[in-house]
N, C-alpha and C. Protein backbone atom coordinates (compact mmCIF):
# COMPACT_ATOMS: atom_id res chain seq x y z
N UNK A 1 0.85 -1.28 -0.04
CA UNK A 1 -0.02 0.06 -0.04
C UNK A 1 0.80 1.34 -0.09
N UNK A 2 0.52 2.34 -0.97
CA UNK A 2 1.19 3.56 -0.88
C UNK A 2 0.68 4.20 0.42
N UNK A 3 1.42 4.98 1.00
CA UNK A 3 0.92 5.85 2.12
C UNK A 3 1.78 7.50 2.00
N UNK A 4 0.69 8.16 2.27
CA UNK A 4 0.90 9.52 2.03
C UNK A 4 0.68 10.24 3.42
N UNK A 5 1.59 11.06 4.02
CA UNK A 5 1.53 11.66 5.11
C UNK A 5 0.71 13.26 4.84
N UNK A 6 -0.23 13.34 5.54
CA UNK A 6 -0.85 14.72 5.51
C UNK A 6 -0.42 15.55 6.82
N UNK A 7 0.17 16.46 6.62
CA UNK A 7 0.74 17.07 7.84
C UNK A 7 0.49 18.69 7.93
N UNK A 8 0.78 19.24 8.94
CA UNK A 8 0.50 20.80 9.09
C UNK A 8 0.38 20.99 10.47
N UNK A 9 0.91 22.15 10.89
CA UNK A 9 0.75 22.73 12.42
C UNK A 9 -0.72 22.72 12.84
N UNK A 10 -0.76 22.92 13.96
CA UNK A 10 -2.14 23.12 14.61
C UNK A 10 -2.88 24.06 13.94
N UNK A 11 -4.03 23.89 13.82
CA UNK A 11 -5.00 24.96 13.19
C UNK A 11 -4.85 25.21 11.66
N UNK A 12 -4.09 24.26 10.86
CA UNK A 12 -3.73 24.54 9.63
C UNK A 12 -4.90 23.86 8.66
N UNK A 13 -5.65 22.87 9.29
CA UNK A 13 -6.65 22.27 8.41
C UNK A 13 -6.41 20.75 8.13
N UNK A 14 -5.35 20.28 8.57
CA UNK A 14 -5.08 18.88 8.04
C UNK A 14 -6.14 17.88 8.39
N UNK A 15 -6.98 18.13 9.61
CA UNK A 15 -7.86 17.27 9.71
C UNK A 15 -8.98 17.34 8.95
N UNK A 16 -9.28 18.56 8.43
CA UNK A 16 -10.03 18.89 7.53
C UNK A 16 -10.00 18.22 6.11
N UNK A 17 -8.60 18.32 5.74
CA UNK A 17 -8.33 17.48 4.41
C UNK A 17 -8.61 15.98 4.61
N UNK A 18 -8.22 15.58 5.62
CA UNK A 18 -8.21 14.04 5.89
C UNK A 18 -9.91 13.69 5.99
N UNK A 19 -10.63 14.67 6.43
CA UNK A 19 -12.28 14.30 6.44
C UNK A 19 -12.78 14.33 5.23
N UNK A 20 -12.20 15.13 4.07
CA UNK A 20 -12.54 15.09 2.74
C UNK A 20 -12.13 13.63 2.26
N UNK A 21 -10.78 13.33 2.49
CA UNK A 21 -10.46 12.02 1.99
C UNK A 21 -11.12 10.81 2.64
N UNK A 22 -11.56 10.92 3.83
CA UNK A 22 -12.59 9.73 4.35
C UNK A 22 -13.73 9.55 3.60
N UNK A 23 -14.25 10.99 3.41
CA UNK A 23 -15.60 10.71 2.44
C UNK A 23 -15.44 10.12 1.21
N UNK A 24 -14.07 10.14 0.61
CA UNK A 24 -13.79 9.52 -0.63
C UNK A 24 -13.52 8.14 -0.63
N UNK A 25 -13.48 7.64 0.67
CA UNK A 25 -13.14 6.11 1.12
C UNK A 25 -11.70 5.78 1.40
N UNK A 26 -11.04 6.77 1.53
CA UNK A 26 -9.38 6.69 1.81
C UNK A 26 -9.24 6.25 3.21
N UNK A 27 -8.63 5.29 3.63
CA UNK A 27 -8.21 4.88 4.92
C UNK A 27 -7.12 5.98 5.53
N UNK A 28 -7.52 6.53 6.64
CA UNK A 28 -6.81 7.37 7.44
C UNK A 28 -6.31 7.07 8.84
N UNK A 29 -5.14 7.13 9.01
CA UNK A 29 -4.62 6.96 10.47
C UNK A 29 -4.11 8.19 10.98
N UNK A 30 -4.98 8.60 12.01
CA UNK A 30 -4.75 9.69 12.79
C UNK A 30 -3.78 9.53 13.84
N UNK A 31 -2.58 9.93 13.79
CA UNK A 31 -1.28 9.50 14.68
C UNK A 31 -1.65 10.02 15.97
N UNK A 32 -2.26 11.43 16.22
CA UNK A 32 -2.47 11.82 17.33
C UNK A 32 -3.60 11.15 18.23
N UNK A 33 -4.64 10.91 17.67
CA UNK A 33 -5.75 10.20 18.38
C UNK A 33 -5.21 8.59 18.75
N UNK A 34 -4.32 8.14 17.88
CA UNK A 34 -3.92 6.75 18.14
C UNK A 34 -3.02 6.76 19.24
N UNK A 35 -2.12 7.75 19.20
CA UNK A 35 -1.01 7.92 20.42
C UNK A 35 -1.96 8.16 21.63
N UNK A 36 -3.02 8.78 21.70
CA UNK A 36 -3.62 8.98 22.70
C UNK A 36 -4.30 7.53 23.26
N UNK A 37 -4.73 6.87 22.43
CA UNK A 37 -5.38 5.77 22.58
C UNK A 37 -4.43 4.58 23.12
N UNK A 38 -3.24 4.76 22.80
CA UNK A 38 -2.29 3.85 23.49
C UNK A 38 -2.25 3.75 25.01
N UNK A 39 -2.62 5.04 25.70
CA UNK A 39 -2.61 5.22 26.96
C UNK A 39 -3.78 4.21 27.69
N UNK A 40 -4.77 4.28 26.90
CA UNK A 40 -5.94 3.45 27.52
C UNK A 40 -5.57 1.86 27.25
N UNK A 41 -5.06 1.78 25.93
CA UNK A 41 -4.90 0.33 25.61
C UNK A 41 -3.73 -0.46 26.40
N UNK A 42 -2.82 0.58 26.95
CA UNK A 42 -1.64 -0.14 27.53
C UNK A 42 -1.61 0.79 28.90
N UNK A 43 -2.08 0.18 30.00
CA UNK A 43 -2.25 1.00 31.32
C UNK A 43 -0.87 1.09 31.89
N UNK A 44 0.17 0.03 31.50
CA UNK A 44 1.49 0.17 32.19
C UNK A 44 2.18 1.38 31.62
N UNK A 45 1.86 1.76 30.36
CA UNK A 45 2.52 2.87 29.67
C UNK A 45 2.53 4.13 30.47
N UNK A 46 1.46 4.61 31.30
CA UNK A 46 1.22 5.77 32.08
C UNK A 46 2.11 5.49 33.33
N UNK A 47 2.16 4.41 33.79
CA UNK A 47 3.20 4.38 34.95
C UNK A 47 4.57 4.50 34.51
N UNK A 48 4.93 3.94 33.51
CA UNK A 48 6.13 4.02 32.82
C UNK A 48 6.53 5.36 32.59
N UNK A 49 5.62 6.14 32.04
CA UNK A 49 5.91 7.79 31.81
C UNK A 49 5.86 8.57 33.15
N UNK A 50 5.22 8.16 34.09
CA UNK A 50 5.36 8.81 35.46
C UNK A 50 6.93 8.65 35.96
N UNK A 51 7.20 7.42 35.96
CA UNK A 51 8.59 7.13 36.42
C UNK A 51 9.67 7.77 35.71
N UNK A 52 9.55 7.82 34.36
CA UNK A 52 10.56 8.47 33.55
C UNK A 52 10.48 10.07 33.67
N UNK A 53 9.44 10.59 33.87
CA UNK A 53 9.09 12.10 33.82
C UNK A 53 9.20 12.59 35.45
N UNK A 54 9.11 11.63 36.36
CA UNK A 54 9.20 12.09 37.83
C UNK A 54 7.90 12.90 38.09
N UNK A 55 6.82 12.66 37.49
CA UNK A 55 5.58 13.45 37.91
C UNK A 55 4.43 12.63 37.76
N UNK A 56 3.46 13.05 38.68
CA UNK A 56 2.19 12.10 38.58
C UNK A 56 1.25 12.72 37.60
N UNK A 57 0.71 11.48 36.76
CA UNK A 57 0.01 11.90 35.44
C UNK A 57 -1.28 11.32 35.49
N UNK A 58 -1.66 10.55 36.74
CA UNK A 58 -3.06 10.05 36.62
C UNK A 58 -4.18 10.84 37.48
N UNK A 59 -5.17 10.79 37.06
CA UNK A 59 -6.25 11.64 37.62
C UNK A 59 -6.91 10.75 38.59
N UNK A 60 -7.92 11.16 39.43
CA UNK A 60 -8.60 10.45 40.51
C UNK A 60 -9.18 9.16 40.03
N UNK A 61 -9.36 8.98 38.85
CA UNK A 61 -9.95 7.75 38.31
C UNK A 61 -8.99 6.77 38.00
N UNK A 62 -7.48 7.14 38.00
CA UNK A 62 -6.54 6.27 37.80
C UNK A 62 -6.00 6.08 36.47
N UNK A 63 -6.82 6.93 35.53
CA UNK A 63 -6.35 7.04 34.30
C UNK A 63 -5.47 8.31 33.92
N UNK A 64 -4.79 8.39 32.66
CA UNK A 64 -4.19 9.45 32.39
C UNK A 64 -4.87 10.76 32.37
N UNK A 65 -4.19 11.77 33.02
CA UNK A 65 -4.65 12.92 33.07
C UNK A 65 -4.29 13.65 31.83
N UNK A 66 -4.94 13.89 30.98
CA UNK A 66 -4.36 14.47 29.64
C UNK A 66 -3.90 15.96 29.63
N UNK A 67 -4.69 16.65 30.44
CA UNK A 67 -4.37 18.16 30.61
C UNK A 67 -3.12 18.17 31.32
N UNK A 68 -2.88 17.32 32.40
CA UNK A 68 -1.68 17.42 33.24
C UNK A 68 -0.35 17.31 32.43
N UNK A 69 -0.61 16.11 31.49
CA UNK A 69 0.38 15.76 30.61
C UNK A 69 0.71 16.75 29.57
N UNK A 70 -0.28 17.35 28.82
CA UNK A 70 0.03 18.36 27.97
C UNK A 70 0.69 19.64 28.40
N UNK A 71 0.14 19.89 29.75
CA UNK A 71 0.88 21.08 30.45
C UNK A 71 2.37 20.81 30.65
N UNK A 72 2.70 19.68 31.02
CA UNK A 72 3.84 19.33 31.12
C UNK A 72 4.89 19.38 30.03
N UNK A 73 4.30 18.49 28.97
CA UNK A 73 5.32 18.63 27.84
C UNK A 73 5.34 19.75 27.04
N UNK A 74 4.44 20.60 26.99
CA UNK A 74 4.42 21.77 26.21
C UNK A 74 5.17 22.92 26.80
N UNK A 75 5.70 22.58 28.20
CA UNK A 75 6.15 23.75 29.10
C UNK A 75 7.78 23.31 29.35
N UNK A 76 8.09 22.13 29.07
CA UNK A 76 9.41 21.38 29.26
C UNK A 76 9.84 20.47 28.01
N UNK A 77 10.73 21.11 27.35
CA UNK A 77 11.28 20.42 26.11
C UNK A 77 11.74 18.96 26.53
N UNK A 78 12.54 18.93 27.66
CA UNK A 78 13.37 17.71 28.05
C UNK A 78 12.07 16.52 28.48
N UNK A 79 11.11 17.03 28.87
CA UNK A 79 10.00 16.15 29.31
C UNK A 79 9.30 15.62 28.13
N UNK A 80 9.05 16.45 27.10
CA UNK A 80 8.69 15.95 25.63
C UNK A 80 9.47 15.16 25.01
N UNK A 81 10.83 15.33 25.01
CA UNK A 81 11.71 14.42 24.44
C UNK A 81 11.72 12.80 25.08
N UNK A 82 11.69 13.02 26.36
CA UNK A 82 11.37 11.73 27.22
C UNK A 82 10.22 10.78 26.77
N UNK A 83 9.19 11.70 26.74
CA UNK A 83 7.80 11.16 26.29
C UNK A 83 7.87 10.57 24.84
N UNK A 84 8.43 11.27 23.97
CA UNK A 84 8.59 10.80 22.61
C UNK A 84 9.43 9.68 22.51
N UNK A 85 10.43 9.48 23.30
CA UNK A 85 11.36 8.44 23.13
C UNK A 85 10.80 7.00 23.58
N UNK A 86 9.75 7.16 24.53
CA UNK A 86 9.07 6.19 24.98
C UNK A 86 7.75 5.70 23.97
N UNK A 87 6.97 6.63 23.77
CA UNK A 87 5.78 6.39 22.94
C UNK A 87 5.89 6.33 21.44
N UNK A 88 6.76 7.13 20.80
CA UNK A 88 6.96 7.01 19.35
C UNK A 88 7.18 5.72 18.70
N UNK A 89 8.15 4.83 19.37
CA UNK A 89 8.58 3.58 18.72
C UNK A 89 7.29 2.58 18.94
N UNK A 90 6.58 2.69 19.91
CA UNK A 90 5.26 2.01 20.03
C UNK A 90 4.27 2.24 19.07
N UNK A 91 4.28 3.74 18.66
CA UNK A 91 3.25 4.28 17.76
C UNK A 91 3.67 3.69 16.30
N UNK A 92 4.98 3.61 16.02
CA UNK A 92 5.59 3.25 14.89
C UNK A 92 5.06 1.87 14.38
N UNK A 93 5.17 0.93 15.55
CA UNK A 93 4.94 -0.48 15.39
C UNK A 93 3.29 -0.40 15.08
N UNK A 94 2.42 0.25 15.70
CA UNK A 94 0.95 0.31 15.40
C UNK A 94 0.86 0.86 14.02
N UNK A 95 1.43 1.72 13.61
CA UNK A 95 1.37 2.26 12.22
C UNK A 95 1.73 1.08 11.29
N UNK A 96 2.86 0.29 11.53
CA UNK A 96 3.09 -0.85 10.48
C UNK A 96 2.20 -1.74 10.35
N UNK A 97 1.47 -2.01 11.66
CA UNK A 97 0.46 -3.18 11.61
C UNK A 97 -0.81 -2.61 10.91
N UNK A 98 -0.98 -1.25 10.86
CA UNK A 98 -2.22 -0.77 10.32
C UNK A 98 -2.00 -0.84 8.84
N UNK A 99 -0.84 -0.38 8.24
CA UNK A 99 -0.43 -0.65 6.88
C UNK A 99 -0.64 -1.85 6.39
N UNK A 100 -0.16 -2.90 7.08
CA UNK A 100 -0.16 -4.27 6.56
C UNK A 100 -1.65 -4.76 6.65
N UNK A 101 -2.63 -4.22 7.19
CA UNK A 101 -3.77 -4.72 7.30
C UNK A 101 -4.54 -4.19 6.14
N UNK A 102 -4.32 -3.00 5.61
CA UNK A 102 -4.99 -2.29 4.59
C UNK A 102 -5.07 -3.24 3.39
N UNK A 103 -6.28 -3.14 2.65
CA UNK A 103 -6.52 -3.75 1.21
C UNK A 103 -6.65 -2.80 0.22
N UNK A 104 -6.80 -1.44 0.79
CA UNK A 104 -6.92 -0.24 -0.17
C UNK A 104 -5.37 -0.06 -0.83
N UNK A 105 -5.48 0.59 -2.04
CA UNK A 105 -4.23 0.65 -2.57
C UNK A 105 -3.27 1.84 -2.09
N UNK A 106 -4.03 2.76 -1.33
CA UNK A 106 -3.27 3.73 -0.68
C UNK A 106 -4.01 4.34 0.53
N UNK A 107 -3.30 4.81 1.50
CA UNK A 107 -3.94 5.44 2.52
C UNK A 107 -2.94 6.68 3.13
N UNK A 108 -3.52 7.13 4.19
CA UNK A 108 -3.04 8.58 4.73
C UNK A 108 -2.54 8.36 6.30
N UNK A 109 -1.48 8.99 6.53
CA UNK A 109 -1.13 9.16 7.96
C UNK A 109 -1.27 10.64 8.20
N UNK A 110 -2.18 10.99 9.16
CA UNK A 110 -2.45 12.51 9.60
C UNK A 110 -1.61 12.58 10.84
N UNK A 111 -0.69 13.58 10.76
CA UNK A 111 0.32 14.00 11.83
C UNK A 111 0.73 15.41 11.64
N UNK A 112 0.84 15.97 12.89
CA UNK A 112 1.48 17.45 12.92
C UNK A 112 3.04 17.32 13.07
N UNK A 113 3.47 16.09 13.66
CA UNK A 113 4.95 16.02 13.92
C UNK A 113 5.87 15.09 13.29
N UNK A 114 5.32 14.30 12.42
CA UNK A 114 5.84 13.14 11.87
C UNK A 114 7.22 13.49 11.27
N UNK A 115 7.22 14.50 10.53
CA UNK A 115 8.33 14.91 9.62
C UNK A 115 9.53 15.16 10.61
N UNK A 116 9.21 15.64 11.65
CA UNK A 116 10.38 16.15 12.48
C UNK A 116 10.98 15.24 13.23
N UNK A 117 10.42 13.98 13.28
CA UNK A 117 10.94 12.87 14.14
C UNK A 117 11.47 11.86 13.57
N UNK A 118 12.82 11.63 13.46
CA UNK A 118 13.51 10.49 12.80
C UNK A 118 12.88 9.21 12.89
N UNK A 119 12.47 8.80 13.99
CA UNK A 119 12.07 7.53 14.28
C UNK A 119 10.95 7.13 13.24
N UNK A 120 10.31 8.22 12.50
CA UNK A 120 9.23 7.71 11.48
C UNK A 120 9.89 7.89 10.16
N UNK A 121 11.05 7.93 9.89
CA UNK A 121 11.69 8.18 8.57
C UNK A 121 11.48 6.90 7.78
N UNK A 122 10.89 6.96 6.58
CA UNK A 122 10.78 5.91 5.63
C UNK A 122 9.14 5.28 5.90
N UNK A 123 8.41 5.92 6.82
CA UNK A 123 7.10 5.20 6.99
C UNK A 123 6.18 5.52 5.84
N UNK A 124 6.57 6.51 4.86
CA UNK A 124 5.45 6.98 3.94
C UNK A 124 6.07 7.29 2.68
N UNK A 125 5.38 7.29 1.45
CA UNK A 125 5.88 7.53 0.20
C UNK A 125 5.81 8.99 -0.40
N UNK A 126 4.91 9.82 0.34
CA UNK A 126 4.81 11.07 -0.19
C UNK A 126 4.16 11.99 0.90
N UNK A 127 4.38 13.26 0.98
CA UNK A 127 4.15 14.19 1.94
C UNK A 127 3.28 15.49 1.33
N UNK A 128 2.10 15.66 1.91
CA UNK A 128 1.10 17.00 1.71
C UNK A 128 1.13 17.61 2.83
N UNK A 129 1.66 18.81 2.78
CA UNK A 129 1.57 19.80 3.85
C UNK A 129 0.42 20.81 3.76
N UNK A 130 -0.46 20.85 4.78
CA UNK A 130 -1.80 21.82 4.80
C UNK A 130 -1.17 23.08 5.79
N UNK A 131 -1.24 24.23 5.01
CA UNK A 131 -0.69 25.45 5.69
C UNK A 131 -1.93 26.66 5.73
N UNK A 132 -1.55 27.47 6.46
CA UNK A 132 -2.44 28.61 6.72
C UNK A 132 -1.54 29.68 7.40
N UNK A 133 -1.85 31.06 7.10
CA UNK A 133 -1.26 32.15 7.68
C UNK A 133 -1.43 31.88 9.30
N UNK A 134 -0.10 32.38 9.91
CA UNK A 134 -0.19 31.93 11.44
C UNK A 134 -1.47 32.70 12.24
N UNK A 135 -1.93 33.90 11.91
CA UNK A 135 -2.93 34.54 12.57
C UNK A 135 -4.32 33.74 12.33
N UNK A 136 -4.31 33.18 11.27
CA UNK A 136 -5.59 32.46 10.80
C UNK A 136 -5.67 31.16 11.58
N UNK A 137 -4.48 30.41 11.76
CA UNK A 137 -4.33 29.37 12.53
C UNK A 137 -4.66 29.64 14.08
N UNK A 138 -4.16 30.75 14.42
CA UNK A 138 -4.41 30.95 16.08
C UNK A 138 -5.74 31.20 16.29
N UNK A 139 -6.45 32.10 15.33
CA UNK A 139 -8.03 32.27 15.41
C UNK A 139 -8.88 31.14 15.58
N UNK A 140 -8.47 30.07 14.67
CA UNK A 140 -9.22 28.83 14.44
C UNK A 140 -8.77 28.17 15.88
N UNK A 141 -7.61 28.00 16.45
CA UNK A 141 -7.46 27.16 17.65
C UNK A 141 -8.07 27.72 18.75
N UNK A 142 -7.92 29.16 18.81
CA UNK A 142 -8.66 29.84 20.08
C UNK A 142 -10.12 29.57 19.96
N UNK A 143 -10.63 29.49 18.91
CA UNK A 143 -12.22 29.54 18.73
C UNK A 143 -12.48 28.02 19.06
N UNK A 144 -11.72 27.08 18.70
CA UNK A 144 -12.17 25.71 18.71
C UNK A 144 -11.69 25.08 19.99
N UNK A 145 -10.80 25.70 20.63
CA UNK A 145 -10.13 24.86 22.00
C UNK A 145 -10.42 25.79 23.17
N UNK A 146 -10.79 27.05 22.97
CA UNK A 146 -11.07 27.97 23.92
C UNK A 146 -9.75 28.46 24.80
N UNK A 147 -8.65 28.46 24.04
CA UNK A 147 -7.34 28.75 24.58
C UNK A 147 -6.97 30.08 24.41
N UNK A 148 -6.13 30.49 25.40
CA UNK A 148 -5.75 31.92 25.18
C UNK A 148 -4.64 31.94 24.17
N UNK A 149 -4.30 33.27 23.71
CA UNK A 149 -3.60 33.51 22.55
C UNK A 149 -2.11 32.98 22.93
N UNK A 150 -1.77 33.07 24.16
CA UNK A 150 -0.23 32.79 24.39
C UNK A 150 -0.15 31.12 24.48
N UNK A 151 -1.13 30.56 24.82
CA UNK A 151 -0.98 28.86 24.91
C UNK A 151 -1.05 28.43 23.41
N UNK A 152 -1.71 29.23 22.49
CA UNK A 152 -1.73 28.79 21.05
C UNK A 152 -0.34 28.97 20.59
N UNK A 153 0.05 30.06 20.83
CA UNK A 153 1.43 30.59 20.35
C UNK A 153 2.38 29.31 20.85
N UNK A 154 2.44 29.03 22.18
CA UNK A 154 3.34 28.08 22.50
C UNK A 154 3.14 26.55 21.81
N UNK A 155 1.72 26.17 21.51
CA UNK A 155 1.79 24.97 20.72
C UNK A 155 2.07 25.09 19.23
N UNK A 156 1.86 26.29 18.57
CA UNK A 156 2.38 26.35 17.21
C UNK A 156 3.83 26.23 17.26
N UNK A 157 4.40 26.78 18.25
CA UNK A 157 6.11 26.95 18.15
C UNK A 157 6.62 25.64 18.46
N UNK A 158 5.87 24.63 19.27
CA UNK A 158 6.15 23.31 19.49
C UNK A 158 6.06 22.45 18.25
N UNK A 159 5.43 22.95 17.48
CA UNK A 159 4.81 22.02 16.19
C UNK A 159 5.62 22.45 14.88
N UNK A 160 6.89 22.98 14.79
CA UNK A 160 7.31 23.46 13.58
C UNK A 160 7.53 22.40 12.65
N UNK A 161 6.92 22.63 11.43
CA UNK A 161 6.92 21.60 10.34
C UNK A 161 7.90 21.89 9.32
N UNK A 162 8.73 20.95 8.88
CA UNK A 162 9.81 21.16 7.91
C UNK A 162 9.37 21.28 6.67
N UNK A 163 9.00 22.53 6.06
CA UNK A 163 8.33 22.60 4.68
C UNK A 163 8.98 22.02 3.66
N UNK A 164 10.31 21.93 3.81
CA UNK A 164 11.16 21.58 2.71
C UNK A 164 11.08 19.99 2.43
N UNK A 165 10.54 19.18 3.38
CA UNK A 165 10.20 17.81 3.18
C UNK A 165 8.87 17.54 2.51
N UNK A 166 8.03 18.53 2.11
CA UNK A 166 6.73 18.44 1.64
C UNK A 166 6.90 18.38 0.03
N UNK A 167 6.14 17.60 -0.56
CA UNK A 167 6.12 17.19 -1.97
C UNK A 167 5.03 18.10 -2.61
N UNK A 168 3.92 18.60 -1.76
CA UNK A 168 2.83 19.33 -2.19
C UNK A 168 2.40 20.18 -0.99
N UNK A 169 2.21 21.23 -1.15
CA UNK A 169 1.48 22.37 -0.12
C UNK A 169 0.13 22.80 -0.70
N UNK A 170 -0.84 22.56 0.33
CA UNK A 170 -2.09 22.98 0.33
C UNK A 170 -2.26 24.30 0.96
N UNK A 171 -2.44 25.31 0.53
CA UNK A 171 -2.87 26.53 1.30
C UNK A 171 -4.34 26.60 1.74
N UNK A 172 -4.45 26.69 3.02
CA UNK A 172 -5.96 26.66 3.47
C UNK A 172 -6.22 27.91 4.17
N UNK A 173 -6.32 28.80 3.43
CA UNK A 173 -6.85 30.13 3.97
C UNK A 173 -8.29 30.67 3.40
N UNK A 174 -8.94 29.64 2.94
CA UNK A 174 -10.18 30.20 2.33
C UNK A 174 -11.23 29.50 2.89
N UNK A 175 -12.43 29.30 2.03
CA UNK A 175 -13.57 28.67 2.42
C UNK A 175 -13.44 26.99 2.47
N UNK A 176 -14.30 26.39 3.17
CA UNK A 176 -14.45 24.87 3.22
C UNK A 176 -14.47 24.26 1.57
N UNK A 177 -15.26 24.91 0.93
CA UNK A 177 -15.29 24.55 -0.62
C UNK A 177 -14.14 24.56 -1.07
N UNK A 178 -13.31 25.62 -0.94
CA UNK A 178 -12.01 25.90 -1.63
C UNK A 178 -11.13 24.82 -1.33
N UNK A 179 -11.15 24.51 0.10
CA UNK A 179 -10.32 23.52 0.52
C UNK A 179 -10.68 22.03 -0.05
N UNK A 180 -11.97 21.70 -0.14
CA UNK A 180 -12.35 20.43 -0.85
C UNK A 180 -11.95 20.51 -2.20
N UNK A 181 -12.03 21.47 -3.00
CA UNK A 181 -11.44 21.52 -4.45
C UNK A 181 -10.01 21.42 -4.47
N UNK A 182 -9.37 21.97 -3.55
CA UNK A 182 -7.82 21.75 -3.57
C UNK A 182 -7.55 20.28 -3.34
N UNK A 183 -8.24 19.54 -2.45
CA UNK A 183 -8.05 18.22 -2.12
C UNK A 183 -8.25 17.40 -3.37
N UNK A 184 -9.38 17.63 -3.97
CA UNK A 184 -9.62 16.99 -5.32
C UNK A 184 -8.40 17.04 -6.40
N UNK A 185 -7.93 18.34 -6.37
CA UNK A 185 -6.81 18.63 -7.39
C UNK A 185 -5.63 17.96 -7.09
N UNK A 186 -5.25 17.95 -5.86
CA UNK A 186 -4.02 17.24 -5.34
C UNK A 186 -4.03 15.65 -5.35
N UNK A 187 -5.12 15.18 -4.89
CA UNK A 187 -5.19 13.67 -4.70
C UNK A 187 -5.86 12.84 -5.81
N UNK A 188 -6.70 13.53 -6.45
CA UNK A 188 -7.45 12.77 -7.42
C UNK A 188 -7.40 13.13 -8.94
N UNK A 189 -6.68 14.39 -9.34
CA UNK A 189 -6.47 14.65 -10.43
C UNK A 189 -5.38 13.77 -11.21
N UNK A 190 -5.77 13.25 -12.19
CA UNK A 190 -4.70 12.24 -12.93
C UNK A 190 -3.47 12.86 -13.15
N UNK A 191 -3.23 14.13 -13.17
CA UNK A 191 -2.00 14.54 -13.67
C UNK A 191 -1.06 15.17 -12.50
N UNK A 192 -1.84 15.07 -11.25
CA UNK A 192 -1.16 15.47 -10.02
C UNK A 192 0.07 14.83 -9.59
N UNK A 193 0.88 15.29 -8.90
CA UNK A 193 2.07 14.68 -8.31
C UNK A 193 1.69 13.42 -7.38
N UNK A 194 0.82 13.66 -6.43
CA UNK A 194 0.21 12.65 -5.46
C UNK A 194 -0.55 11.50 -6.26
N UNK A 195 -1.38 11.88 -7.21
CA UNK A 195 -2.12 10.99 -8.06
C UNK A 195 -1.13 10.09 -8.61
N UNK A 196 -0.22 10.54 -9.38
CA UNK A 196 0.81 9.76 -10.06
C UNK A 196 1.61 8.81 -9.16
N UNK A 197 1.85 9.37 -8.12
CA UNK A 197 2.66 8.62 -6.95
C UNK A 197 1.86 7.39 -6.48
N UNK A 198 0.63 7.61 -6.12
CA UNK A 198 -0.26 6.52 -5.48
C UNK A 198 -0.51 5.59 -6.65
N UNK A 199 -0.61 6.11 -7.97
CA UNK A 199 -0.92 5.01 -8.73
C UNK A 199 0.05 4.05 -9.42
N UNK A 200 1.25 4.30 -8.69
CA UNK A 200 2.50 3.48 -9.22
C UNK A 200 2.37 1.99 -8.48
N UNK A 201 2.82 1.10 -9.23
CA UNK A 201 2.81 -0.24 -8.78
C UNK A 201 4.09 -0.63 -8.04
């Protein structure tokens, strides 16, 4: 199966692009939600992180307190690197299993950070970057998540995407209809780079 990464920083619209692809029947692996799912599927993982990070991460119900973890890793680069060193190799194994199970000719990995993490090198055949002006992204995230401006800026800075690794860039600064049309051009037009890539045997 050919695999295309759909990436972009927070608020860029990569999830909206992937929603368009899902409607067309394309398998999509959402790396962020799958990584979060690891904590519930592997209870020992939370205990392992607590030990490595030296901080309590469980809520009153004994499960991972996601807000506590997010506050820790977004404010402490060393803590983020420690977490990534533990979680990402497990996530990579899950991605490989997902790819092996697919019967479709191609699928998509949705992730904001995958291009900047060497552990994932070689996991896909092509890269589509979804981008938008920073002010547009900040407004979207503040409206969507109820976060303050400084909190959003911190998250944007922690998810710098290496643009030079992208094969194609979709600029998402217009309407949902314009984005849908861009998705059609990039993924389904017979002469587009991505369309030719995924049609290769």
